[in-house]
N, C-alpha and C. Protein backbone atom coordinates (compact mmCIF):
# COMPACT_ATOMS: atom_id res chain seq x y z
N MET A 1 -70.72 62.37 78.11
CA MET A 1 -71.03 63.77 77.87
C MET A 1 -70.40 64.20 76.55
N ALA A 2 -71.24 64.71 75.65
CA ALA A 2 -70.76 65.17 74.34
C ALA A 2 -71.43 66.50 74.02
N PRO A 3 -70.89 67.60 74.54
CA PRO A 3 -71.50 68.92 74.32
C PRO A 3 -71.56 69.26 72.83
N ASP A 4 -72.52 70.10 72.46
CA ASP A 4 -72.64 70.54 71.07
C ASP A 4 -71.49 71.46 70.67
N VAL A 5 -70.97 72.22 71.63
CA VAL A 5 -69.88 73.17 71.36
C VAL A 5 -68.80 73.00 72.42
N LEU A 6 -67.56 72.92 71.98
CA LEU A 6 -66.41 72.88 72.89
C LEU A 6 -65.49 74.04 72.55
N VAL A 7 -64.99 74.73 73.57
CA VAL A 7 -63.96 75.76 73.38
C VAL A 7 -62.75 75.35 74.19
N LEU A 8 -61.63 75.16 73.51
CA LEU A 8 -60.37 74.80 74.16
C LEU A 8 -59.43 75.98 74.05
N THR A 9 -58.91 76.44 75.18
CA THR A 9 -57.92 77.50 75.16
C THR A 9 -56.55 76.91 75.49
N GLU A 10 -55.50 77.68 75.23
CA GLU A 10 -54.13 77.19 75.39
C GLU A 10 -53.92 75.90 74.60
N PHE A 11 -54.47 75.90 73.38
CA PHE A 11 -54.38 74.74 72.49
C PHE A 11 -53.22 74.94 71.53
N ARG A 12 -52.40 73.91 71.37
CA ARG A 12 -51.29 73.98 70.42
C ARG A 12 -51.54 73.01 69.27
N PRO A 13 -51.61 73.54 68.04
CA PRO A 13 -52.01 72.72 66.89
C PRO A 13 -51.17 71.46 66.70
N GLY A 14 -49.85 71.53 66.91
CA GLY A 14 -49.01 70.35 66.71
C GLY A 14 -49.32 69.23 67.69
N PRO A 15 -49.02 69.43 68.98
CA PRO A 15 -49.30 68.39 69.97
C PRO A 15 -50.78 68.05 70.09
N GLY A 16 -51.64 69.01 69.73
CA GLY A 16 -53.08 68.78 69.89
C GLY A 16 -53.73 68.02 68.75
N GLN A 17 -52.95 67.67 67.72
CA GLN A 17 -53.54 67.00 66.56
C GLN A 17 -54.15 65.66 66.94
N ALA A 18 -53.51 64.93 67.84
CA ALA A 18 -54.03 63.63 68.26
C ALA A 18 -55.39 63.79 68.93
N LEU A 19 -55.55 64.85 69.72
CA LEU A 19 -56.84 65.10 70.36
C LEU A 19 -57.91 65.42 69.32
N LEU A 20 -57.57 66.23 68.31
CA LEU A 20 -58.54 66.55 67.27
C LEU A 20 -58.96 65.31 66.50
N GLU A 21 -58.03 64.41 66.25
CA GLU A 21 -58.36 63.17 65.54
C GLU A 21 -59.30 62.32 66.38
N LEU A 22 -59.08 62.29 67.68
CA LEU A 22 -59.96 61.53 68.56
C LEU A 22 -61.36 62.14 68.59
N LEU A 23 -61.43 63.46 68.68
CA LEU A 23 -62.74 64.12 68.72
C LEU A 23 -63.45 64.04 67.37
N ALA A 24 -62.69 63.97 66.28
CA ALA A 24 -63.31 63.81 64.96
C ALA A 24 -64.09 62.50 64.88
N GLN A 25 -63.63 61.49 65.59
CA GLN A 25 -64.36 60.21 65.63
C GLN A 25 -65.69 60.35 66.36
N MET A 26 -65.83 61.42 67.14
CA MET A 26 -67.09 61.70 67.83
C MET A 26 -67.89 62.76 67.07
N ASP A 27 -67.54 62.96 65.79
CA ASP A 27 -68.25 63.86 64.89
C ASP A 27 -68.07 65.34 65.22
N TYR A 28 -66.95 65.68 65.84
CA TYR A 28 -66.66 67.09 66.08
C TYR A 28 -65.90 67.69 64.90
N GLN A 29 -66.35 68.86 64.48
CA GLN A 29 -65.66 69.65 63.46
C GLN A 29 -64.87 70.73 64.18
N ALA A 30 -63.60 70.87 63.86
CA ALA A 30 -62.72 71.79 64.59
C ALA A 30 -62.22 72.93 63.72
N THR A 31 -62.10 74.10 64.35
CA THR A 31 -61.40 75.23 63.75
C THR A 31 -60.41 75.73 64.79
N VAL A 32 -59.17 75.95 64.36
CA VAL A 32 -58.09 76.35 65.27
C VAL A 32 -57.56 77.70 64.85
N GLY A 33 -57.30 78.56 65.82
CA GLY A 33 -56.68 79.85 65.52
C GLY A 33 -55.32 79.67 64.90
N ILE A 34 -54.98 80.54 63.97
CA ILE A 34 -53.69 80.44 63.29
C ILE A 34 -52.62 81.12 64.14
N PRO A 35 -51.63 80.35 64.60
CA PRO A 35 -50.62 80.94 65.50
C PRO A 35 -49.68 81.86 64.75
N PRO A 36 -49.18 82.89 65.42
CA PRO A 36 -48.16 83.75 64.81
C PRO A 36 -46.85 83.00 64.73
N ARG A 37 -45.95 83.47 63.93
CA ARG A 37 -44.63 82.85 63.87
C ARG A 37 -43.69 83.56 64.85
N PRO A 38 -42.81 82.83 65.54
CA PRO A 38 -42.64 81.39 65.43
C PRO A 38 -43.80 80.63 66.06
N THR A 39 -44.02 79.42 65.60
CA THR A 39 -45.11 78.61 66.11
C THR A 39 -44.78 78.13 67.52
N GLY A 40 -45.66 77.31 68.08
CA GLY A 40 -45.48 76.88 69.46
C GLY A 40 -46.19 77.80 70.43
N VAL A 41 -47.09 78.64 69.90
CA VAL A 41 -47.86 79.58 70.72
C VAL A 41 -49.26 79.01 70.95
N ASN A 42 -49.77 79.19 72.16
CA ASN A 42 -51.11 78.70 72.47
C ASN A 42 -52.16 79.43 71.65
N CYS A 43 -53.15 78.66 71.16
CA CYS A 43 -54.24 79.20 70.36
C CYS A 43 -55.57 78.82 71.00
N THR A 44 -56.64 79.30 70.40
CA THR A 44 -57.99 78.89 70.78
C THR A 44 -58.53 77.94 69.71
N CYS A 45 -59.24 76.91 70.15
CA CYS A 45 -59.84 75.93 69.25
C CYS A 45 -61.32 75.82 69.58
N VAL A 46 -62.16 75.86 68.55
CA VAL A 46 -63.60 75.68 68.72
C VAL A 46 -64.01 74.43 67.97
N LEU A 47 -64.75 73.56 68.65
CA LEU A 47 -65.25 72.32 68.04
C LEU A 47 -66.77 72.26 68.19
N THR A 48 -67.45 71.81 67.14
CA THR A 48 -68.91 71.71 67.18
C THR A 48 -69.34 70.38 66.57
N ARG A 49 -70.47 69.88 67.04
CA ARG A 49 -71.01 68.63 66.50
C ARG A 49 -71.91 68.85 65.29
N SER A 50 -72.31 70.07 65.05
CA SER A 50 -73.05 70.42 63.83
C SER A 50 -72.16 71.36 63.02
N PRO A 51 -72.41 71.51 61.74
CA PRO A 51 -71.53 72.33 60.90
C PRO A 51 -71.44 73.77 61.42
N HIS A 52 -70.23 74.33 61.30
CA HIS A 52 -70.05 75.74 61.64
C HIS A 52 -69.17 76.40 60.60
N GLU A 53 -69.24 77.70 60.57
CA GLU A 53 -68.42 78.48 59.64
C GLU A 53 -67.78 79.63 60.40
N GLN A 54 -66.51 79.83 60.20
CA GLN A 54 -65.82 80.93 60.86
C GLN A 54 -66.18 82.23 60.18
N PHE A 55 -66.31 83.29 60.95
CA PHE A 55 -66.56 84.60 60.34
C PHE A 55 -65.67 85.65 60.98
N GLU A 56 -65.40 86.69 60.22
CA GLU A 56 -64.53 87.77 60.70
C GLU A 56 -65.35 88.80 61.47
N SER A 57 -64.86 89.19 62.61
CA SER A 57 -65.51 90.22 63.40
C SER A 57 -65.10 91.59 62.87
N THR A 58 -65.91 92.60 63.21
CA THR A 58 -65.59 93.97 62.79
C THR A 58 -64.26 94.41 63.37
N ARG A 59 -64.03 94.03 64.63
CA ARG A 59 -62.77 94.36 65.30
C ARG A 59 -62.16 93.08 65.83
N ILE A 60 -60.88 92.84 65.53
CA ILE A 60 -60.19 91.64 65.98
C ILE A 60 -58.96 92.08 66.77
N PRO A 61 -58.70 91.45 67.91
CA PRO A 61 -57.55 91.86 68.72
C PRO A 61 -56.22 91.50 68.08
N ILE A 62 -55.16 92.12 68.58
CA ILE A 62 -53.81 91.82 68.09
C ILE A 62 -53.54 90.32 68.23
N SER A 63 -53.92 89.74 69.35
CA SER A 63 -53.72 88.30 69.58
C SER A 63 -54.85 87.52 68.95
N HIS A 64 -54.96 87.61 67.61
CA HIS A 64 -56.08 87.03 66.88
C HIS A 64 -56.12 85.51 66.96
N HIS A 65 -54.97 84.88 67.28
CA HIS A 65 -54.92 83.42 67.39
C HIS A 65 -55.65 82.92 68.64
N ARG A 66 -56.01 83.85 69.53
CA ARG A 66 -56.73 83.48 70.75
C ARG A 66 -58.20 83.90 70.66
N TRP A 67 -58.66 84.14 69.44
CA TRP A 67 -60.02 84.67 69.18
C TRP A 67 -60.60 83.90 68.02
N LEU A 68 -61.73 83.23 68.21
CA LEU A 68 -62.39 82.50 67.12
C LEU A 68 -63.89 82.76 67.18
N ALA A 69 -64.42 83.34 66.13
CA ALA A 69 -65.86 83.58 66.03
C ALA A 69 -66.42 82.63 64.97
N VAL A 70 -67.40 81.82 65.36
CA VAL A 70 -68.01 80.87 64.43
C VAL A 70 -69.52 80.99 64.49
N ARG A 71 -70.14 80.59 63.40
CA ARG A 71 -71.60 80.60 63.28
C ARG A 71 -72.09 79.19 63.09
N LEU A 72 -73.13 78.79 63.86
CA LEU A 72 -73.75 77.47 63.73
C LEU A 72 -75.14 77.68 63.12
N PRO A 73 -75.28 77.54 61.79
CA PRO A 73 -76.57 77.81 61.14
C PRO A 73 -77.70 76.93 61.67
N ASP A 74 -77.41 75.67 61.98
CA ASP A 74 -78.47 74.77 62.44
C ASP A 74 -79.07 75.20 63.77
N HIS A 75 -78.33 75.98 64.54
CA HIS A 75 -78.81 76.42 65.86
C HIS A 75 -79.06 77.93 65.91
N ASP A 76 -78.87 78.61 64.77
CA ASP A 76 -79.01 80.06 64.74
C ASP A 76 -78.22 80.68 65.89
N LEU A 77 -76.93 80.32 65.95
CA LEU A 77 -76.10 80.70 67.10
C LEU A 77 -74.72 81.16 66.64
N SER A 78 -74.27 82.28 67.21
CA SER A 78 -72.90 82.75 67.00
C SER A 78 -72.12 82.51 68.29
N VAL A 79 -70.91 81.98 68.17
CA VAL A 79 -70.07 81.67 69.33
C VAL A 79 -68.72 82.33 69.16
N LEU A 80 -68.32 83.08 70.16
CA LEU A 80 -66.96 83.62 70.21
C LEU A 80 -66.18 82.84 71.25
N GLY A 81 -65.19 82.06 70.80
CA GLY A 81 -64.29 81.37 71.70
C GLY A 81 -63.09 82.27 71.95
N ALA A 82 -62.82 82.57 73.22
CA ALA A 82 -61.81 83.59 73.53
C ALA A 82 -60.90 83.17 74.66
N HIS A 83 -59.64 83.57 74.56
CA HIS A 83 -58.67 83.43 75.65
C HIS A 83 -58.02 84.78 75.84
N VAL A 84 -58.53 85.54 76.79
CA VAL A 84 -58.05 86.90 77.03
C VAL A 84 -56.64 86.85 77.63
N PRO A 85 -55.72 87.67 77.14
CA PRO A 85 -54.35 87.68 77.70
C PRO A 85 -54.33 88.23 79.13
N ASN A 86 -53.31 87.85 79.87
CA ASN A 86 -53.03 88.49 81.15
C ASN A 86 -52.38 89.85 80.88
N GLU A 87 -52.44 90.74 81.85
CA GLU A 87 -51.81 92.05 81.69
C GLU A 87 -50.30 91.93 81.57
N SER A 88 -49.73 90.84 82.10
CA SER A 88 -48.28 90.66 82.07
C SER A 88 -47.77 90.08 80.75
N GLU A 89 -48.68 89.65 79.87
CA GLU A 89 -48.28 89.04 78.61
C GLU A 89 -47.97 90.10 77.56
N ALA A 90 -47.26 89.67 76.52
CA ALA A 90 -46.91 90.58 75.44
C ALA A 90 -48.15 91.08 74.70
N TRP A 91 -49.19 90.24 74.62
CA TRP A 91 -50.42 90.63 73.94
C TRP A 91 -51.15 91.66 74.80
N ASN A 92 -51.87 92.55 74.15
CA ASN A 92 -52.50 93.68 74.83
C ASN A 92 -53.88 93.28 75.35
N LYS A 93 -54.03 93.23 76.69
CA LYS A 93 -55.30 92.82 77.28
C LYS A 93 -56.41 93.84 76.99
N ALA A 94 -56.09 95.12 77.11
CA ALA A 94 -57.10 96.16 76.87
C ALA A 94 -57.61 96.09 75.43
N ASP A 95 -56.70 95.88 74.48
CA ASP A 95 -57.08 95.74 73.07
C ASP A 95 -58.04 94.56 72.90
N PHE A 96 -57.74 93.44 73.57
CA PHE A 96 -58.59 92.25 73.45
C PHE A 96 -59.97 92.53 74.04
N MET A 97 -60.00 93.14 75.23
CA MET A 97 -61.28 93.39 75.88
C MET A 97 -62.11 94.42 75.11
N ASP A 98 -61.46 95.39 74.50
CA ASP A 98 -62.19 96.35 73.66
C ASP A 98 -62.84 95.63 72.48
N SER A 99 -62.11 94.67 71.89
CA SER A 99 -62.65 93.89 70.78
C SER A 99 -63.82 93.04 71.25
N LEU A 100 -63.71 92.48 72.46
CA LEU A 100 -64.77 91.65 73.00
C LEU A 100 -66.04 92.46 73.22
N VAL A 101 -65.90 93.67 73.75
CA VAL A 101 -67.08 94.52 73.96
C VAL A 101 -67.68 94.93 72.61
N ALA A 102 -66.83 95.18 71.61
CA ALA A 102 -67.32 95.52 70.27
C ALA A 102 -68.14 94.36 69.69
N PHE A 103 -67.66 93.12 69.92
CA PHE A 103 -68.41 91.94 69.48
C PHE A 103 -69.77 91.90 70.19
N ALA A 104 -69.78 92.15 71.48
CA ALA A 104 -71.02 92.13 72.25
C ALA A 104 -72.00 93.18 71.76
N GLU A 105 -71.51 94.35 71.41
CA GLU A 105 -72.38 95.41 70.89
C GLU A 105 -73.00 94.98 69.55
N ARG A 106 -72.19 94.41 68.68
CA ARG A 106 -72.68 94.03 67.35
C ARG A 106 -73.69 92.90 67.43
N HIS A 107 -73.52 91.99 68.40
CA HIS A 107 -74.38 90.80 68.46
C HIS A 107 -75.40 90.85 69.60
N ALA A 108 -75.62 92.03 70.14
CA ALA A 108 -76.54 92.16 71.27
C ALA A 108 -77.97 91.77 70.92
N GLU A 109 -78.34 91.88 69.65
CA GLU A 109 -79.71 91.57 69.24
C GLU A 109 -79.85 90.18 68.66
N SER A 110 -78.80 89.38 68.67
CA SER A 110 -78.86 88.05 68.09
C SER A 110 -78.54 86.98 69.13
N ARG A 111 -78.71 85.73 68.76
CA ARG A 111 -78.39 84.61 69.65
C ARG A 111 -76.88 84.38 69.60
N ALA A 112 -76.21 84.78 70.67
CA ALA A 112 -74.75 84.74 70.66
C ALA A 112 -74.20 84.41 72.04
N VAL A 113 -72.98 83.84 72.04
CA VAL A 113 -72.31 83.42 73.27
C VAL A 113 -70.85 83.86 73.20
N ILE A 114 -70.34 84.36 74.31
CA ILE A 114 -68.90 84.61 74.47
C ILE A 114 -68.42 83.62 75.51
N LEU A 115 -67.48 82.76 75.14
CA LEU A 115 -67.14 81.60 75.97
C LEU A 115 -65.63 81.39 76.01
N GLY A 116 -65.10 81.13 77.21
CA GLY A 116 -63.68 80.79 77.29
C GLY A 116 -63.02 81.27 78.57
N ASP A 117 -61.70 81.26 78.54
CA ASP A 117 -60.89 81.75 79.66
C ASP A 117 -60.74 83.25 79.44
N LEU A 118 -61.54 84.03 80.16
CA LEU A 118 -61.55 85.47 79.95
C LEU A 118 -60.59 86.20 80.88
N ASN A 119 -59.86 85.44 81.71
CA ASN A 119 -58.80 86.00 82.57
C ASN A 119 -59.24 87.27 83.30
N THR A 120 -60.50 87.28 83.69
CA THR A 120 -61.08 88.44 84.35
C THR A 120 -62.16 87.93 85.30
N ALA A 121 -62.40 88.66 86.39
CA ALA A 121 -63.42 88.27 87.35
C ALA A 121 -63.91 89.50 88.10
N HIS A 122 -65.18 89.49 88.44
CA HIS A 122 -65.70 90.51 89.34
C HIS A 122 -65.05 90.33 90.72
N ASP A 123 -65.11 91.37 91.54
CA ASP A 123 -64.46 91.32 92.85
C ASP A 123 -64.94 90.14 93.69
N GLU A 124 -66.24 89.82 93.62
CA GLU A 124 -66.77 88.73 94.43
C GLU A 124 -66.27 87.36 93.96
N ASP A 125 -65.66 87.31 92.78
CA ASP A 125 -65.12 86.06 92.25
C ASP A 125 -63.60 86.01 92.34
N CYS A 126 -63.04 86.87 93.19
CA CYS A 126 -61.59 86.90 93.42
C CYS A 126 -61.31 86.63 94.89
N GLU A 127 -60.36 85.75 95.15
CA GLU A 127 -59.96 85.47 96.52
C GLU A 127 -58.72 86.29 96.91
N GLY A 128 -58.14 86.95 95.94
CA GLY A 128 -56.98 87.79 96.20
C GLY A 128 -57.25 89.20 95.74
N ASP A 129 -56.26 89.84 95.12
CA ASP A 129 -56.44 91.20 94.64
C ASP A 129 -57.50 91.25 93.54
N PRO A 130 -58.31 92.29 93.49
CA PRO A 130 -59.31 92.41 92.42
C PRO A 130 -58.64 92.59 91.06
N ILE A 131 -59.37 92.28 90.01
CA ILE A 131 -58.86 92.40 88.64
C ILE A 131 -59.45 93.65 88.01
N ARG A 132 -58.58 94.57 87.62
CA ARG A 132 -59.05 95.86 87.12
C ARG A 132 -59.91 95.73 85.86
N ALA A 133 -59.64 94.71 85.06
CA ALA A 133 -60.38 94.56 83.80
C ALA A 133 -61.84 94.19 84.00
N ALA A 134 -62.27 93.99 85.25
CA ALA A 134 -63.69 93.69 85.50
C ALA A 134 -64.60 94.79 84.98
N VAL A 135 -64.06 95.99 84.76
CA VAL A 135 -64.86 97.08 84.20
C VAL A 135 -65.43 96.68 82.84
N TYR A 136 -64.72 95.82 82.10
CA TYR A 136 -65.22 95.37 80.81
C TYR A 136 -66.41 94.44 80.97
N PHE A 137 -66.43 93.66 82.04
CA PHE A 137 -67.60 92.82 82.31
C PHE A 137 -68.81 93.70 82.59
N ARG A 138 -68.60 94.78 83.29
CA ARG A 138 -69.72 95.69 83.56
C ARG A 138 -70.23 96.30 82.25
N ALA A 139 -69.32 96.53 81.30
CA ALA A 139 -69.74 97.04 79.99
C ALA A 139 -70.61 96.01 79.28
N LEU A 140 -70.24 94.72 79.35
CA LEU A 140 -71.06 93.67 78.75
C LEU A 140 -72.44 93.64 79.38
N GLU A 141 -72.46 93.71 80.70
CA GLU A 141 -73.73 93.62 81.43
C GLU A 141 -74.60 94.84 81.19
N ASP A 142 -74.00 96.01 80.97
CA ASP A 142 -74.76 97.19 80.61
C ASP A 142 -75.44 97.02 79.25
N LEU A 143 -74.87 96.18 78.40
CA LEU A 143 -75.47 95.88 77.09
C LEU A 143 -76.54 94.79 77.20
N GLY A 144 -76.73 94.24 78.40
CA GLY A 144 -77.76 93.22 78.61
C GLY A 144 -77.25 91.79 78.57
N TRP A 145 -75.93 91.61 78.36
CA TRP A 145 -75.37 90.27 78.36
C TRP A 145 -75.35 89.71 79.78
N LYS A 146 -75.53 88.39 79.90
CA LYS A 146 -75.62 87.75 81.21
C LYS A 146 -74.53 86.70 81.40
N ASP A 147 -73.97 86.69 82.59
CA ASP A 147 -73.02 85.66 83.02
C ASP A 147 -73.85 84.42 83.36
N ALA A 148 -73.79 83.39 82.49
CA ALA A 148 -74.67 82.23 82.64
C ALA A 148 -74.48 81.53 83.97
N TRP A 149 -73.21 81.38 84.40
CA TRP A 149 -72.97 80.69 85.67
C TRP A 149 -73.57 81.46 86.83
N ARG A 150 -73.36 82.78 86.86
CA ARG A 150 -73.91 83.58 87.95
C ARG A 150 -75.43 83.58 87.92
N GLN A 151 -76.02 83.58 86.74
CA GLN A 151 -77.47 83.54 86.62
C GLN A 151 -78.05 82.28 87.25
N CYS A 152 -77.29 81.18 87.16
CA CYS A 152 -77.76 79.90 87.70
C CYS A 152 -77.30 79.64 89.12
N ASN A 153 -76.36 80.45 89.61
CA ASN A 153 -75.76 80.18 90.92
C ASN A 153 -75.68 81.47 91.74
N LEU A 154 -76.83 82.09 91.94
CA LEU A 154 -76.88 83.35 92.67
C LEU A 154 -76.32 83.17 94.08
N GLY A 155 -75.41 84.04 94.45
CA GLY A 155 -74.85 84.01 95.80
C GLY A 155 -73.77 82.98 96.03
N ALA A 156 -73.52 82.11 95.06
CA ALA A 156 -72.50 81.06 95.22
C ALA A 156 -71.11 81.65 94.98
N ARG A 157 -70.09 80.93 95.45
CA ARG A 157 -68.70 81.36 95.25
C ARG A 157 -67.87 80.14 94.91
N GLU A 158 -67.37 80.08 93.70
CA GLU A 158 -66.49 79.00 93.25
C GLU A 158 -65.36 79.61 92.44
N PHE A 159 -64.24 78.92 92.42
CA PHE A 159 -63.08 79.41 91.67
C PHE A 159 -62.67 78.36 90.66
N THR A 160 -62.27 78.82 89.46
CA THR A 160 -61.87 77.89 88.40
C THR A 160 -60.37 77.85 88.16
N TRP A 161 -59.62 78.71 88.85
CA TRP A 161 -58.17 78.73 88.70
C TRP A 161 -57.56 79.29 89.98
N TYR A 162 -56.37 78.79 90.34
CA TYR A 162 -55.68 79.25 91.54
C TYR A 162 -54.28 79.74 91.19
N SER A 163 -53.87 80.85 91.79
CA SER A 163 -52.55 81.40 91.56
C SER A 163 -51.51 80.62 92.35
N HIS A 164 -50.23 80.96 92.15
CA HIS A 164 -49.17 80.29 92.90
C HIS A 164 -49.26 80.59 94.38
N LYS A 165 -50.01 81.64 94.74
CA LYS A 165 -50.26 81.95 96.15
C LYS A 165 -51.47 81.18 96.69
N GLN A 166 -52.09 80.37 95.81
CA GLN A 166 -53.28 79.61 96.14
C GLN A 166 -54.50 80.50 96.39
N ASN A 167 -54.51 81.67 95.75
CA ASN A 167 -55.70 82.51 95.73
C ASN A 167 -56.58 82.06 94.57
N GLY A 168 -57.88 81.93 94.82
CA GLY A 168 -58.79 81.45 93.79
C GLY A 168 -59.45 82.57 93.00
N PHE A 169 -59.72 82.29 91.73
CA PHE A 169 -60.40 83.24 90.85
C PHE A 169 -61.35 82.48 89.93
N ARG A 170 -62.50 83.04 89.63
CA ARG A 170 -63.40 82.46 88.61
C ARG A 170 -63.13 83.18 87.30
N LEU A 171 -62.24 82.59 86.50
CA LEU A 171 -61.77 83.23 85.27
C LEU A 171 -62.48 82.71 84.03
N ASP A 172 -63.17 81.59 84.14
CA ASP A 172 -63.77 80.94 82.96
C ASP A 172 -65.27 81.26 82.93
N HIS A 173 -65.70 81.78 81.79
CA HIS A 173 -67.05 82.36 81.74
C HIS A 173 -67.77 81.99 80.44
N CYS A 174 -69.10 82.01 80.55
CA CYS A 174 -69.98 81.93 79.39
C CYS A 174 -70.96 83.08 79.51
N TYR A 175 -70.76 84.10 78.70
CA TYR A 175 -71.69 85.23 78.65
C TYR A 175 -72.65 85.02 77.48
N VAL A 176 -73.94 85.22 77.73
CA VAL A 176 -74.95 85.01 76.69
C VAL A 176 -75.63 86.34 76.38
N SER A 177 -76.02 86.52 75.13
CA SER A 177 -76.67 87.75 74.70
C SER A 177 -78.04 87.88 75.36
N PRO A 178 -78.60 89.09 75.39
CA PRO A 178 -79.87 89.32 76.10
C PRO A 178 -80.99 88.37 75.70
N CYS A 179 -81.17 88.14 74.39
CA CYS A 179 -82.29 87.28 73.97
C CYS A 179 -82.04 85.82 74.28
N LEU A 180 -80.77 85.45 74.54
CA LEU A 180 -80.45 84.05 74.83
C LEU A 180 -80.49 83.75 76.32
N ALA A 181 -80.49 84.77 77.15
CA ALA A 181 -80.46 84.56 78.60
C ALA A 181 -81.60 83.67 79.10
N PRO A 182 -82.84 83.82 78.60
CA PRO A 182 -83.92 82.94 79.07
C PRO A 182 -83.72 81.47 78.68
N ALA A 183 -82.82 81.20 77.73
CA ALA A 183 -82.59 79.83 77.28
C ALA A 183 -81.58 79.09 78.14
N VAL A 184 -80.94 79.78 79.11
CA VAL A 184 -79.96 79.13 79.97
C VAL A 184 -80.68 78.19 80.94
N VAL A 185 -80.37 76.91 80.85
CA VAL A 185 -80.99 75.89 81.70
C VAL A 185 -80.14 75.62 82.93
N ALA A 186 -78.83 75.50 82.74
CA ALA A 186 -77.92 75.18 83.84
C ALA A 186 -76.51 75.63 83.46
N SER A 187 -75.69 75.88 84.49
CA SER A 187 -74.28 76.22 84.28
C SER A 187 -73.53 75.81 85.53
N SER A 188 -72.48 75.00 85.35
CA SER A 188 -71.74 74.49 86.51
C SER A 188 -70.28 74.31 86.16
N ASN A 189 -69.46 74.23 87.19
CA ASN A 189 -68.03 73.99 87.03
C ASN A 189 -67.69 72.56 87.44
N ASP A 190 -66.92 71.88 86.61
CA ASP A 190 -66.40 70.56 86.97
C ASP A 190 -64.96 70.75 87.43
N HIS A 191 -64.75 70.69 88.74
CA HIS A 191 -63.42 70.96 89.30
C HIS A 191 -62.50 69.73 89.24
N SER A 192 -63.05 68.57 88.90
CA SER A 192 -62.25 67.35 88.93
C SER A 192 -61.11 67.39 87.92
N VAL A 193 -61.32 68.04 86.75
CA VAL A 193 -60.26 68.09 85.74
C VAL A 193 -59.06 68.89 86.26
N ARG A 194 -59.34 69.84 87.16
CA ARG A 194 -58.25 70.62 87.75
C ARG A 194 -57.61 69.87 88.92
N THR A 195 -58.44 69.35 89.82
CA THR A 195 -57.89 68.66 90.99
C THR A 195 -57.16 67.38 90.61
N ASN A 196 -57.54 66.77 89.45
CA ASN A 196 -56.86 65.56 89.00
C ASN A 196 -55.64 65.86 88.13
N GLY A 197 -55.36 67.15 87.92
CA GLY A 197 -54.15 67.53 87.19
C GLY A 197 -54.26 67.48 85.68
N LEU A 198 -55.48 67.34 85.13
CA LEU A 198 -55.63 67.32 83.68
C LEU A 198 -55.52 68.73 83.09
N SER A 199 -55.80 69.72 83.91
CA SER A 199 -55.70 71.12 83.49
C SER A 199 -55.50 71.96 84.74
N ASP A 200 -55.01 73.19 84.56
CA ASP A 200 -54.92 74.08 85.71
C ASP A 200 -56.20 74.89 85.87
N HIS A 201 -57.18 74.64 85.00
CA HIS A 201 -58.49 75.29 85.08
C HIS A 201 -59.58 74.24 85.28
N SER A 202 -60.65 74.64 85.94
CA SER A 202 -61.84 73.80 86.00
C SER A 202 -62.59 73.89 84.68
N LEU A 203 -63.45 72.92 84.44
CA LEU A 203 -64.26 72.87 83.22
C LEU A 203 -65.59 73.56 83.47
N LEU A 204 -65.98 74.45 82.57
CA LEU A 204 -67.27 75.12 82.65
C LEU A 204 -68.22 74.48 81.66
N LEU A 205 -69.40 74.06 82.13
CA LEU A 205 -70.40 73.44 81.29
C LEU A 205 -71.70 74.22 81.40
N THR A 206 -72.21 74.72 80.29
CA THR A 206 -73.45 75.49 80.27
C THR A 206 -74.43 74.83 79.31
N THR A 207 -75.68 74.70 79.73
CA THR A 207 -76.73 74.08 78.92
C THR A 207 -77.75 75.13 78.51
N LEU A 208 -78.06 75.18 77.21
CA LEU A 208 -79.03 76.10 76.67
C LEU A 208 -80.16 75.35 75.98
N ARG A 209 -81.37 75.85 76.08
CA ARG A 209 -82.46 75.32 75.26
C ARG A 209 -82.24 75.79 73.84
N ASP A 210 -82.49 74.90 72.90
CA ASP A 210 -82.30 75.26 71.48
C ASP A 210 -83.45 76.14 70.97
């Protein structure tokens, strides 16, 4: 499996260099968020098999190292790789989600994807307490953006992360712009990477027609 686009969250540029070198042998081009000082902070990394160029959004959150917007000219596609902060973190979750909705508004008429650990879930995707920030997902959906996994898995219930209380949540998402929604072919979670201890999150894989 060699997806055209990979989004890695909680990526650290130093220890992750070996992984980037390995993926470069598979023709992946990588862009990594610039961490604030002191270093050692988790960033977002976007990798693509075709050329991409990073671009600046109109609004960027305070935690800009967890936000990467890239353009893939060969696919006429804009991708926002995002790792939304938790409410308990120093970074401002509301500021990040406001920036995410602003991105969705600006790119509502183009082929665009918002992809990553969005640390948010609708009530039906929570096994414990609901997440208040789900209101921002409703704002995306009011703009016509679609949750690719939910579009392909109506009525299903799966969780991509579990709390220390073992409550499950579907925190990892791929939202597609209105014009791209018909291009969604499949979307599924690979839970083996989590159950085998490679990550504390499941892997989300979404397939789009070009």
